[in-house]
Amino acid sequence: MHLAYPDTAETIIYVPPIVFDRNAHTVPIIVRVADIFWGGAGLSGHLWWDPIRPPTSVYSLPLSLIERVGGWDAGDDAIGEDLHMYVKCFFTLNGNLTVRTVLSAASQSNVHSDAKGIRGYFLNCNARYRQALRHMWGSLDSGYVVKSSSEMLWKKNGNSPRWVHPSYPNFPVSLDICKHY
Protein backbone atom coordinates (compact mmCIF):
# COMPACT_ATOMS: atom_id res chain seq x y z
CA MET A 1 0.00 0.00 0.00
CA HIS A 2 2.79 2.37 0.87
CA LEU A 3 4.48 1.97 -2.51
CA ALA A 4 1.18 2.19 -4.39
CA TYR A 5 0.61 5.81 -3.29
CA PRO A 6 3.98 7.60 -3.44
CA ASP A 7 2.36 11.06 -3.42
CA THR A 8 1.06 10.50 0.14
CA ALA A 9 3.84 8.23 1.44
CA GLU A 10 5.12 10.83 3.91
CA THR A 11 1.70 12.03 5.13
CA ILE A 12 -0.21 8.81 5.70
CA ILE A 13 -1.51 6.69 8.54
CA TYR A 14 -2.67 3.10 8.03
CA VAL A 15 -5.59 1.92 10.15
CA PRO A 16 -7.20 -1.55 10.32
CA PRO A 17 -10.58 -2.26 11.88
CA ILE A 18 -10.45 -4.07 15.21
CA VAL A 19 -12.27 -7.19 16.36
CA PHE A 20 -12.32 -8.61 19.90
CA ASP A 21 -12.06 -12.32 19.20
CA ARG A 22 -9.18 -13.79 21.16
CA ASN A 23 -10.81 -14.45 24.50
CA ALA A 24 -14.49 -13.56 23.99
CA HIS A 25 -15.51 -17.01 25.23
CA THR A 26 -13.87 -16.41 28.64
CA VAL A 27 -15.41 -13.07 29.60
CA PRO A 28 -18.94 -12.15 30.73
CA ILE A 29 -21.44 -11.22 28.04
CA ILE A 30 -21.58 -7.62 29.28
CA VAL A 31 -17.84 -7.28 28.59
CA ARG A 32 -18.25 -8.84 25.13
CA VAL A 33 -21.13 -6.53 24.27
CA ALA A 34 -19.22 -3.44 25.44
CA ASP A 35 -16.24 -4.43 23.30
CA ILE A 36 -18.46 -5.22 20.31
CA PHE A 37 -19.83 -1.67 20.57
CA TRP A 38 -16.29 -0.31 20.95
CA GLY A 39 -15.23 -2.19 17.81
CA GLY A 40 -18.33 -0.85 16.04
CA ALA A 41 -17.43 2.69 17.05
CA GLY A 42 -13.98 2.07 15.59
CA LEU A 43 -15.58 0.94 12.33
CA SER A 44 -17.17 4.37 11.99
CA GLY A 45 -13.64 5.62 11.41
CA HIS A 46 -13.50 3.68 8.15
CA LEU A 47 -16.11 5.58 6.16
CA TRP A 48 -14.54 5.76 2.69
CA TRP A 49 -15.62 9.35 2.05
CA ASP A 50 -14.71 10.90 5.40
CA PRO A 51 -11.32 12.66 5.72
CA ILE A 52 -11.49 12.53 9.56
CA ARG A 53 -10.80 8.88 10.38
CA PRO A 54 -8.93 8.36 13.65
CA PRO A 55 -7.58 4.93 14.57
CA THR A 56 -8.93 2.76 17.35
CA SER A 57 -6.05 1.06 19.10
CA VAL A 58 -4.02 -0.12 16.09
CA TYR A 59 -2.28 1.98 13.44
CA SER A 60 0.95 2.39 11.53
CA LEU A 61 2.67 5.45 10.13
CA PRO A 62 5.98 6.23 8.44
CA LEU A 63 8.99 7.10 10.59
CA SER A 64 9.39 10.37 8.68
CA LEU A 65 5.93 11.47 9.87
CA ILE A 66 6.70 10.42 13.44
CA GLU A 67 9.84 12.58 13.34
CA ARG A 68 7.95 15.48 11.72
CA VAL A 69 5.39 15.62 14.56
CA GLY A 70 8.00 15.22 17.30
CA GLY A 71 7.23 11.64 18.25
CA TRP A 72 4.69 10.41 20.74
CA ASP A 73 3.74 12.55 23.70
CA ALA A 74 3.85 11.09 27.18
CA GLY A 75 2.07 12.07 30.33
CA ASP A 76 -1.36 13.31 31.27
CA ASP A 77 -1.92 15.32 28.10
CA ALA A 78 -1.76 12.23 25.87
CA ILE A 79 -3.92 9.61 27.56
CA GLY A 80 -5.53 8.32 24.36
CA GLU A 81 -2.26 7.59 22.57
CA ASP A 82 -3.82 6.41 19.29
CA LEU A 83 -6.21 9.36 19.00
CA HIS A 84 -3.62 11.84 20.25
CA MET A 85 -1.03 10.78 17.68
CA TYR A 86 -3.65 10.98 14.92
CA VAL A 87 -4.68 14.48 16.03
CA LYS A 88 -1.04 15.58 16.28
CA CYS A 89 -0.34 14.35 12.75
CA PHE A 90 -3.56 15.89 11.41
CA PHE A 91 -2.79 19.37 12.72
CA THR A 92 0.94 19.25 12.00
CA LEU A 93 0.02 18.54 8.37
CA ASN A 94 -2.61 21.31 8.40
CA GLY A 95 -5.39 18.78 7.87
CA ASN A 96 -3.65 17.09 4.97
CA LEU A 97 -3.23 13.69 6.65
CA THR A 98 -4.22 10.72 4.51
CA VAL A 99 -5.79 7.71 6.21
CA ARG A 100 -5.82 4.37 4.43
CA THR A 101 -7.84 1.46 5.75
CA VAL A 102 -5.97 -1.82 5.98
CA LEU A 103 -8.49 -4.47 5.03
CA SER A 104 -7.33 -6.99 7.60
CA ALA A 105 -8.86 -6.78 11.05
CA ALA A 106 -6.56 -6.46 14.05
CA SER A 107 -7.35 -9.26 16.50
CA GLN A 108 -7.81 -7.96 20.06
CA SER A 109 -8.38 -9.45 23.49
CA ASN A 110 -11.16 -8.33 25.82
CA VAL A 111 -9.88 -6.94 29.12
CA HIS A 112 -10.20 -9.58 31.82
CA SER A 113 -9.00 -10.88 35.14
CA ASP A 114 -7.60 -14.33 35.79
CA ALA A 115 -10.10 -15.00 38.58
CA LYS A 116 -12.72 -17.72 38.11
CA GLY A 117 -16.34 -18.14 39.15
CA ILE A 118 -18.56 -15.35 40.44
CA ARG A 119 -15.54 -13.40 41.70
CA GLY A 120 -14.04 -13.58 38.20
CA TYR A 121 -17.33 -12.40 36.69
CA PHE A 122 -17.33 -9.23 38.79
CA LEU A 123 -13.60 -8.63 38.38
CA ASN A 124 -13.97 -8.93 34.59
CA CYS A 125 -16.84 -6.42 34.62
CA ASN A 126 -14.74 -4.12 36.80
CA ALA A 127 -11.78 -4.44 34.42
CA ARG A 128 -14.04 -3.40 31.50
CA TYR A 129 -15.38 -0.48 33.52
CA ARG A 130 -11.82 0.73 34.23
CA GLN A 131 -11.03 0.37 30.50
CA ALA A 132 -14.09 2.52 29.71
CA LEU A 133 -12.83 5.15 32.16
CA ARG A 134 -9.47 5.21 30.35
CA HIS A 135 -11.32 5.70 27.07
CA MET A 136 -13.29 8.54 28.66
CA TRP A 137 -10.08 10.25 29.77
CA GLY A 138 -9.07 10.29 26.12
CA SER A 139 -11.65 13.06 25.70
CA LEU A 140 -9.03 15.38 27.19
CA ASP A 141 -7.77 15.70 23.61
CA SER A 142 -10.87 17.80 22.88
CA GLY A 143 -9.16 20.92 24.24
CA TYR A 144 -6.12 20.24 22.08
CA VAL A 145 -8.39 19.80 19.04
CA VAL A 146 -10.23 23.09 19.69
CA LYS A 147 -6.96 25.00 20.11
CA SER A 148 -5.34 23.40 17.07
CA SER A 149 -8.48 23.84 14.93
CA SER A 150 -8.62 27.55 15.60
CA GLU A 151 -4.94 27.89 14.78
CA MET A 152 -5.34 25.91 11.57
CA LEU A 153 -8.44 27.79 10.39
CA TRP A 154 -7.27 31.31 11.13
CA LYS A 155 -3.57 31.07 10.30
CA LYS A 156 -2.38 30.43 6.81
CA ASN A 157 0.55 28.07 7.28
CA GLY A 158 1.16 26.27 4.02
CA ASN A 159 -1.33 24.05 2.23
CA SER A 160 -5.02 24.64 2.79
CA PRO A 161 -6.72 21.98 4.89
CA ARG A 162 -8.20 19.12 2.90
CA TRP A 163 -11.78 18.70 4.09
CA VAL A 164 -12.79 15.89 1.74
CA HIS A 165 -11.24 12.53 1.01
CA PRO A 166 -8.55 12.90 -1.71
CA SER A 167 -10.00 10.07 -3.78
CA TYR A 168 -13.48 11.64 -3.75
CA PRO A 169 -13.00 15.43 -4.00
CA ASN A 170 -16.66 16.15 -4.82
CA PHE A 171 -18.31 13.85 -2.29
CA PRO A 172 -20.37 14.64 -0.30
CA VAL A 173 -19.69 18.38 -0.63
CA SER A 174 -16.68 20.61 -0.37
CA LEU A 175 -16.35 21.77 3.21
CA ASP A 176 -13.81 24.55 2.70
CA ILE A 177 -15.55 26.92 5.10
CA CYS A 178 -12.64 29.34 5.22
CA LYS A 179 -13.51 30.67 1.74
CA HIS A 180 -16.77 32.07 3.09
CA TYR A 181 -15.29 34.18 5.88
C-alpha atoms as a PDB file:
ATOM      1  CA  MET A   1       0.000   0.000   0.000  1.00  0.00           C
ATOM      2  CA  HIS A   2       2.792   2.372   0.871  1.00  0.00           C
ATOM      3  CA  LEU A   3       4.480   1.974  -2.506  1.00  0.00           C
ATOM      4  CA  ALA A   4       1.181   2.193  -4.387  1.00  0.00           C
ATOM      5  CA  TYR A   5       0.606   5.812  -3.286  1.00  0.00           C
ATOM      6  CA  PRO A   6       3.978   7.598  -3.437  1.00  0.00           C
ATOM      7  CA  ASP A   7       2.362  11.060  -3.416  1.00  0.00           C
ATOM      8  CA  THR A   8       1.057  10.500   0.136  1.00  0.00           C
ATOM      9  CA  ALA A   9       3.836   8.231   1.441  1.00  0.00           C
ATOM     10  CA  GLU A  10       5.121  10.830   3.909  1.00  0.00           C
ATOM     11  CA  THR A  11       1.703  12.027   5.133  1.00  0.00           C
ATOM     12  CA  ILE A  12      -0.205   8.810   5.702  1.00  0.00           C
ATOM     13  CA  ILE A  13      -1.506   6.695   8.538  1.00  0.00           C
ATOM     14  CA  TYR A  14      -2.670   3.104   8.029  1.00  0.00           C
ATOM     15  CA  VAL A  15      -5.593   1.919  10.148  1.00  0.00           C
ATOM     16  CA  PRO A  16      -7.199  -1.547  10.318  1.00  0.00           C
ATOM     17  CA  PRO A  17     -10.581  -2.264  11.880  1.00  0.00           C
ATOM     18  CA  ILE A  18     -10.445  -4.073  15.214  1.00  0.00           C
ATOM     19  CA  VAL A  19     -12.265  -7.185  16.362  1.00  0.00           C
ATOM     20  CA  PHE A  20     -12.317  -8.608  19.899  1.00  0.00           C
ATOM     21  CA  ASP A  21     -12.058 -12.321  19.198  1.00  0.00           C
ATOM     22  CA  ARG A  22      -9.175 -13.795  21.158  1.00  0.00           C
ATOM     23  CA  ASN A  23     -10.815 -14.454  24.498  1.00  0.00           C
ATOM     24  CA  ALA A  24     -14.492 -13.560  23.993  1.00  0.00           C
ATOM     25  CA  HIS A  25     -15.505 -17.014  25.228  1.00  0.00           C
ATOM     26  CA  THR A  26     -13.874 -16.413  28.638  1.00  0.00           C
ATOM     27  CA  VAL A  27     -15.413 -13.065  29.602  1.00  0.00           C
ATOM     28  CA  PRO A  28     -18.944 -12.153  30.726  1.00  0.00           C
ATOM     29  CA  ILE A  29     -21.435 -11.215  28.042  1.00  0.00           C
ATOM     30  CA  ILE A  30     -21.576  -7.621  29.276  1.00  0.00           C
ATOM     31  CA  VAL A  31     -17.840  -7.281  28.591  1.00  0.00           C
ATOM     32  CA  ARG A  32     -18.254  -8.845  25.128  1.00  0.00           C
ATOM     33  CA  VAL A  33     -21.131  -6.528  24.268  1.00  0.00           C
ATOM     34  CA  ALA A  34     -19.220  -3.440  25.443  1.00  0.00           C
ATOM     35  CA  ASP A  35     -16.239  -4.428  23.302  1.00  0.00           C
ATOM     36  CA  ILE A  36     -18.462  -5.216  20.305  1.00  0.00           C
ATOM     37  CA  PHE A  37     -19.828  -1.671  20.570  1.00  0.00           C
ATOM     38  CA  TRP A  38     -16.285  -0.311  20.949  1.00  0.00           C
ATOM     39  CA  GLY A  39     -15.228  -2.187  17.809  1.00  0.00           C
ATOM     40  CA  GLY A  40     -18.331  -0.853  16.043  1.00  0.00           C
ATOM     41  CA  ALA A  41     -17.430   2.688  17.046  1.00  0.00           C
ATOM     42  CA  GLY A  42     -13.984   2.069  15.592  1.00  0.00           C
ATOM     43  CA  LEU A  43     -15.583   0.939  12.329  1.00  0.00           C
ATOM     44  CA  SER A  44     -17.174   4.365  11.989  1.00  0.00           C
ATOM     45  CA  GLY A  45     -13.640   5.616  11.413  1.00  0.00           C
ATOM     46  CA  HIS A  46     -13.503   3.682   8.148  1.00  0.00           C
ATOM     47  CA  LEU A  47     -16.114   5.584   6.155  1.00  0.00           C
ATOM     48  CA  TRP A  48     -14.543   5.758   2.694  1.00  0.00           C
ATOM     49  CA  TRP A  49     -15.616   9.353   2.048  1.00  0.00           C
ATOM     50  CA  ASP A  50     -14.706  10.899   5.402  1.00  0.00           C
ATOM     51  CA  PRO A  51     -11.319  12.663   5.716  1.00  0.00           C
ATOM     52  CA  ILE A  52     -11.489  12.528   9.559  1.00  0.00           C
ATOM     53  CA  ARG A  53     -10.799   8.877  10.379  1.00  0.00           C
ATOM     54  CA  PRO A  54      -8.926   8.362  13.648  1.00  0.00           C
ATOM     55  CA  PRO A  55      -7.582   4.933  14.574  1.00  0.00           C
ATOM     56  CA  THR A  56      -8.928   2.761  17.350  1.00  0.00           C
ATOM     57  CA  SER A  57      -6.053   1.064  19.104  1.00  0.00           C
ATOM     58  CA  VAL A  58      -4.017  -0.121  16.093  1.00  0.00           C
ATOM     59  CA  TYR A  59      -2.284   1.977  13.443  1.00  0.00           C
ATOM     60  CA  SER A  60       0.951   2.388  11.527  1.00  0.00           C
ATOM     61  CA  LEU A  61       2.670   5.449  10.126  1.00  0.00           C
ATOM     62  CA  PRO A  62       5.979   6.232   8.437  1.00  0.00           C
ATOM     63  CA  LEU A  63       8.990   7.100  10.586  1.00  0.00           C
ATOM     64  CA  SER A  64       9.385  10.369   8.675  1.00  0.00           C
ATOM     65  CA  LEU A  65       5.929  11.469   9.870  1.00  0.00           C
ATOM     66  CA  ILE A  66       6.701  10.416  13.443  1.00  0.00           C
ATOM     67  CA  GLU A  67       9.840  12.582  13.336  1.00  0.00           C
ATOM     68  CA  ARG A  68       7.953  15.479  11.721  1.00  0.00           C
ATOM     69  CA  VAL A  69       5.391  15.618  14.556  1.00  0.00           C
ATOM     70  CA  GLY A  70       7.998  15.223  17.296  1.00  0.00           C
ATOM     71  CA  GLY A  71       7.233  11.638  18.250  1.00  0.00           C
ATOM     72  CA  TRP A  72       4.693  10.408  20.740  1.00  0.00           C
ATOM     73  CA  ASP A  73       3.736  12.550  23.699  1.00  0.00           C
ATOM     74  CA  ALA A  74       3.852  11.094  27.180  1.00  0.00           C
ATOM     75  CA  GLY A  75       2.070  12.069  30.327  1.00  0.00           C
ATOM     76  CA  ASP A  76      -1.362  13.305  31.269  1.00  0.00           C
ATOM     77  CA  ASP A  77      -1.917  15.316  28.098  1.00  0.00           C
ATOM     78  CA  ALA A  78      -1.755  12.227  25.874  1.00  0.00           C
ATOM     79  CA  ILE A  79      -3.920   9.613  27.556  1.00  0.00           C
ATOM     80  CA  GLY A  80      -5.535   8.317  24.365  1.00  0.00           C
ATOM     81  CA  GLU A  81      -2.263   7.586  22.567  1.00  0.00           C
ATOM     82  CA  ASP A  82      -3.821   6.408  19.291  1.00  0.00           C
ATOM     83  CA  LEU A  83      -6.213   9.355  18.999  1.00  0.00           C
ATOM     84  CA  HIS A  84      -3.620  11.836  20.251  1.00  0.00           C
ATOM     85  CA  MET A  85      -1.026  10.777  17.677  1.00  0.00           C
ATOM     86  CA  TYR A  86      -3.654  10.983  14.923  1.00  0.00           C
ATOM     87  CA  VAL A  87      -4.676  14.482  16.034  1.00  0.00           C
ATOM     88  CA  LYS A  88      -1.044  15.576  16.278  1.00  0.00           C
ATOM     89  CA  CYS A  89      -0.341  14.347  12.749  1.00  0.00           C
ATOM     90  CA  PHE A  90      -3.562  15.886  11.412  1.00  0.00           C
ATOM     91  CA  PHE A  91      -2.788  19.370  12.715  1.00  0.00           C
ATOM     92  CA  THR A  92       0.941  19.252  11.998  1.00  0.00           C
ATOM     93  CA  LEU A  93       0.021  18.536   8.366  1.00  0.00           C
ATOM     94  CA  ASN A  94      -2.608  21.307   8.405  1.00  0.00           C
ATOM     95  CA  GLY A  95      -5.394  18.784   7.874  1.00  0.00           C
ATOM     96  CA  ASN A  96      -3.646  17.087   4.965  1.00  0.00           C
ATOM     97  CA  LEU A  97      -3.230  13.691   6.647  1.00  0.00           C
ATOM     98  CA  THR A  98      -4.221  10.718   4.511  1.00  0.00           C
ATOM     99  CA  VAL A  99      -5.787   7.708   6.212  1.00  0.00           C
ATOM    100  CA  ARG A 100      -5.824   4.367   4.427  1.00  0.00           C
ATOM    101  CA  THR A 101      -7.843   1.464   5.749  1.00  0.00           C
ATOM    102  CA  VAL A 102      -5.966  -1.820   5.976  1.00  0.00           C
ATOM    103  CA  LEU A 103      -8.494  -4.472   5.028  1.00  0.00           C
ATOM    104  CA  SER A 104      -7.327  -6.988   7.602  1.00  0.00           C
ATOM    105  CA  ALA A 105      -8.862  -6.782  11.053  1.00  0.00           C
ATOM    106  CA  ALA A 106      -6.559  -6.462  14.053  1.00  0.00           C
ATOM    107  CA  SER A 107      -7.351  -9.256  16.500  1.00  0.00           C
ATOM    108  CA  GLN A 108      -7.810  -7.963  20.059  1.00  0.00           C
ATOM    109  CA  SER A 109      -8.385  -9.449  23.491  1.00  0.00           C
ATOM    110  CA  ASN A 110     -11.157  -8.329  25.819  1.00  0.00           C
ATOM    111  CA  VAL A 111      -9.880  -6.942  29.117  1.00  0.00           C
ATOM    112  CA  HIS A 112     -10.204  -9.583  31.819  1.00  0.00           C
ATOM    113  CA  SER A 113      -8.999 -10.882  35.138  1.00  0.00           C
ATOM    114  CA  ASP A 114      -7.602 -14.326  35.792  1.00  0.00           C
ATOM    115  CA  ALA A 115     -10.100 -14.999  38.577  1.00  0.00           C
ATOM    116  CA  LYS A 116     -12.718 -17.718  38.110  1.00  0.00           C
ATOM    117  CA  GLY A 117     -16.341 -18.136  39.153  1.00  0.00           C
ATOM    118  CA  ILE A 118     -18.563 -15.350  40.439  1.00  0.00           C
ATOM    119  CA  ARG A 119     -15.539 -13.405  41.701  1.00  0.00           C
ATOM    120  CA  GLY A 120     -14.043 -13.579  38.201  1.00  0.00           C
ATOM    121  CA  TYR A 121     -17.328 -12.403  36.694  1.00  0.00           C
ATOM    122  CA  PHE A 122     -17.332  -9.232  38.789  1.00  0.00           C
ATOM    123  CA  LEU A 123     -13.601  -8.631  38.385  1.00  0.00           C
ATOM    124  CA  ASN A 124     -13.970  -8.928  34.589  1.00  0.00           C
ATOM    125  CA  CYS A 125     -16.840  -6.420  34.616  1.00  0.00           C
ATOM    126  CA  ASN A 126     -14.740  -4.117  36.800  1.00  0.00           C
ATOM    127  CA  ALA A 127     -11.784  -4.444  34.416  1.00  0.00           C
ATOM    128  CA  ARG A 128     -14.038  -3.404  31.498  1.00  0.00           C
ATOM    129  CA  TYR A 129     -15.379  -0.483  33.524  1.00  0.00           C
ATOM    130  CA  ARG A 130     -11.822   0.726  34.226  1.00  0.00           C
ATOM    131  CA  GLN A 131     -11.033   0.369  30.505  1.00  0.00           C
ATOM    132  CA  ALA A 132     -14.091   2.521  29.705  1.00  0.00           C
ATOM    133  CA  LEU A 133     -12.826   5.145  32.160  1.00  0.00           C
ATOM    134  CA  ARG A 134      -9.470   5.213  30.352  1.00  0.00           C
ATOM    135  CA  HIS A 135     -11.320   5.701  27.072  1.00  0.00           C
ATOM    136  CA  MET A 136     -13.289   8.537  28.660  1.00  0.00           C
ATOM    137  CA  TRP A 137     -10.081  10.251  29.771  1.00  0.00           C
ATOM    138  CA  GLY A 138      -9.067  10.290  26.119  1.00  0.00           C
ATOM    139  CA  SER A 139     -11.647  13.058  25.695  1.00  0.00           C
ATOM    140  CA  LEU A 140      -9.031  15.377  27.190  1.00  0.00           C
ATOM    141  CA  ASP A 141      -7.770  15.702  23.609  1.00  0.00           C
ATOM    142  CA  SER A 142     -10.871  17.802  22.882  1.00  0.00           C
ATOM    143  CA  GLY A 143      -9.160  20.919  24.240  1.00  0.00           C
ATOM    144  CA  TYR A 144      -6.122  20.244  22.080  1.00  0.00           C
ATOM    145  CA  VAL A 145      -8.391  19.804  19.041  1.00  0.00           C
ATOM    146  CA  VAL A 146     -10.233  23.087  19.687  1.00  0.00           C
ATOM    147  CA  LYS A 147      -6.962  24.999  20.106  1.00  0.00           C
ATOM    148  CA  SER A 148      -5.345  23.401  17.068  1.00  0.00           C
ATOM    149  CA  SER A 149      -8.482  23.839  14.927  1.00  0.00           C
ATOM    150  CA  SER A 150      -8.623  27.550  15.599  1.00  0.00           C
ATOM    151  CA  GLU A 151      -4.936  27.891  14.783  1.00  0.00           C
ATOM    152  CA  MET A 152      -5.343  25.914  11.573  1.00  0.00           C
ATOM    153  CA  LEU A 153      -8.442  27.788  10.395  1.00  0.00           C
ATOM    154  CA  TRP A 154      -7.269  31.306  11.126  1.00  0.00           C
ATOM    155  CA  LYS A 155      -3.569  31.072  10.304  1.00  0.00           C
ATOM    156  CA  LYS A 156      -2.379  30.431   6.806  1.00  0.00           C
ATOM    157  CA  ASN A 157       0.549  28.066   7.282  1.00  0.00           C
ATOM    158  CA  GLY A 158       1.161  26.270   4.025  1.00  0.00           C
ATOM    159  CA  ASN A 159      -1.327  24.049   2.233  1.00  0.00           C
ATOM    160  CA  SER A 160      -5.020  24.637   2.791  1.00  0.00           C
ATOM    161  CA  PRO A 161      -6.722  21.984   4.889  1.00  0.00           C
ATOM    162  CA  ARG A 162      -8.204  19.122   2.902  1.00  0.00           C
ATOM    163  CA  TRP A 163     -11.779  18.703   4.090  1.00  0.00           C
ATOM    164  CA  VAL A 164     -12.788  15.890   1.738  1.00  0.00           C
ATOM    165  CA  HIS A 165     -11.238  12.526   1.006  1.00  0.00           C
ATOM    166  CA  PRO A 166      -8.548  12.905  -1.707  1.00  0.00           C
ATOM    167  CA  SER A 167     -10.000  10.070  -3.778  1.00  0.00           C
ATOM    168  CA  TYR A 168     -13.482  11.640  -3.752  1.00  0.00           C
ATOM    169  CA  PRO A 169     -13.003  15.431  -4.004  1.00  0.00           C
ATOM    170  CA  ASN A 170     -16.662  16.147  -4.823  1.00  0.00           C
ATOM    171  CA  PHE A 171     -18.312  13.850  -2.287  1.00  0.00           C
ATOM    172  CA  PRO A 172     -20.372  14.637  -0.300  1.00  0.00           C
ATOM    173  CA  VAL A 173     -19.688  18.377  -0.633  1.00  0.00           C
ATOM    174  CA  SER A 174     -16.676  20.614  -0.372  1.00  0.00           C
ATOM    175  CA  LEU A 175     -16.351  21.774   3.214  1.00  0.00           C
ATOM    176  CA  ASP A 176     -13.805  24.547   2.705  1.00  0.00           C
ATOM    177  CA  ILE A 177     -15.553  26.925   5.097  1.00  0.00           C
ATOM    178  CA  CYS A 178     -12.636  29.337   5.224  1.00  0.00           C
ATOM    179  CA  LYS A 179     -13.515  30.672   1.741  1.00  0.00           C
ATOM    180  CA  HIS A 180     -16.772  32.071   3.087  1.00  0.00           C
ATOM    181  CA  TYR A 181     -15.292  34.178   5.880  1.00  0.00           C
END
